[in-house]
Protein backbone atom coordinates (compact mmCIF):
# COMPACT_ATOMS: atom_id res chain seq x y z
CA LYS A 1 5.13 -24.97 20.29
CA THR A 2 6.91 -28.30 20.05
CA ASP A 3 7.39 -27.93 16.29
CA PHE A 4 9.00 -24.53 16.78
CA ILE A 5 11.37 -25.83 19.47
CA ASN A 6 12.32 -28.77 17.24
CA PHE A 7 12.85 -26.36 14.35
CA ILE A 8 15.40 -24.48 16.44
CA ASN A 9 17.03 -27.42 18.23
CA ASP A 10 17.39 -29.56 15.09
CA GLN A 11 18.71 -26.51 13.19
CA GLU A 12 16.16 -26.97 10.43
CA TRP A 13 16.33 -23.20 9.90
CA LYS A 14 19.66 -23.68 8.11
CA SER A 15 17.93 -25.44 5.20
CA ILE A 16 15.63 -22.49 4.49
CA GLU A 17 16.77 -20.01 1.86
CA PRO A 18 16.81 -16.36 2.92
CA VAL A 19 14.34 -13.90 1.44
CA SER A 20 15.67 -12.44 -1.80
CA SER A 21 16.62 -8.79 -1.78
CA TRP A 22 13.71 -8.12 -4.14
CA PHE A 23 11.25 -8.96 -1.35
CA GLY A 24 13.30 -7.55 1.53
CA PRO A 25 11.69 -4.92 3.78
CA SER A 26 13.88 -2.12 2.44
CA SER A 27 13.53 -2.99 -1.26
CA LEU A 28 11.90 -0.66 -3.76
CA LEU A 29 9.01 -3.10 -4.21
CA MET A 30 8.19 -3.34 -0.51
CA SER A 31 8.67 0.41 0.02
CA SER A 32 6.20 1.04 -2.81
CA MET A 33 3.72 -1.41 -1.31
CA SER A 34 4.04 0.36 2.04
CA ALA A 35 3.44 3.74 0.42
CA LEU A 36 0.34 2.42 -1.35
CA PHE A 37 -0.98 1.00 1.91
CA GLU A 38 -0.43 4.34 3.66
CA LEU A 39 -2.21 6.11 0.80
CA SER A 40 -5.17 3.73 1.06
CA MET A 41 -5.40 4.39 4.79
CA TRP A 42 -5.29 8.14 4.17
CA ILE A 43 -8.10 7.79 1.61
CA ARG A 44 -10.13 5.70 4.06
CA HIS A 45 -9.73 8.28 6.83
CA GLY A 46 -10.56 11.08 4.40
CA HIS A 47 -13.71 9.28 3.29
CA GLY A 48 -14.71 8.79 6.93
CA TYR A 49 -14.10 12.46 7.67
CA LEU A 50 -16.17 13.59 4.69
CA THR A 51 -19.09 11.29 5.43
CA GLU A 52 -19.14 11.18 9.23
CA ASN A 53 -17.84 14.57 10.32
CA LEU A 54 -19.06 16.77 7.48
CA GLY A 55 -22.21 14.76 6.72
CA ILE A 56 -21.52 14.57 2.99
CA PRO A 57 -23.38 11.70 1.28
CA VAL A 58 -21.29 8.64 0.48
CA TYR A 59 -21.83 8.95 -3.28
CA VAL A 60 -20.45 12.51 -3.20
CA SER A 61 -17.34 11.30 -1.40
CA TYR A 62 -16.92 8.57 -4.04
CA ALA A 63 -17.33 11.16 -6.77
CA VAL A 64 -14.68 13.40 -5.16
CA TYR A 65 -12.18 10.55 -4.96
CA GLY A 66 -13.09 9.35 -8.47
CA LEU A 67 -12.46 12.80 -9.92
CA ALA A 68 -9.24 13.15 -7.93
CA THR A 69 -8.08 9.82 -9.37
CA LEU A 70 -8.92 10.89 -12.92
CA PHE A 71 -7.21 14.26 -12.60
CA SER A 72 -4.11 12.86 -10.93
CA GLY A 73 -3.86 10.24 -13.71
CA LEU A 74 -4.23 12.98 -16.30
CA ILE A 75 -1.51 15.09 -14.70
CA LEU A 76 0.84 12.12 -14.32
CA GLY A 77 0.21 11.17 -17.95
CA LEU A 78 0.96 14.71 -19.12
CA VAL A 79 4.11 14.92 -17.04
CA SER A 80 5.40 11.53 -18.16
CA GLY A 81 4.55 12.38 -21.77
CA ALA A 82 6.45 15.66 -21.55
CA PHE A 83 9.58 14.04 -20.14
CA GLY A 84 9.30 10.60 -21.79
């Protein structure tokens, strides 16, 4: 607590460089990271729903997500190849 108060009172905060726009909360990089985190949470909840609510074995859930990953990569590759 004392260090924080001294940091403010002694105006040590003026010597710290601000965060670059590349790492700012509204930057493309941080927005992408947020979207990936939300996707991972959606996948986690989906896995829980499949295994806990529907009683599907864990390995089947992994297989479903593995196949979904392969097919989405295939589709993205085909789309980027068609327009690239």
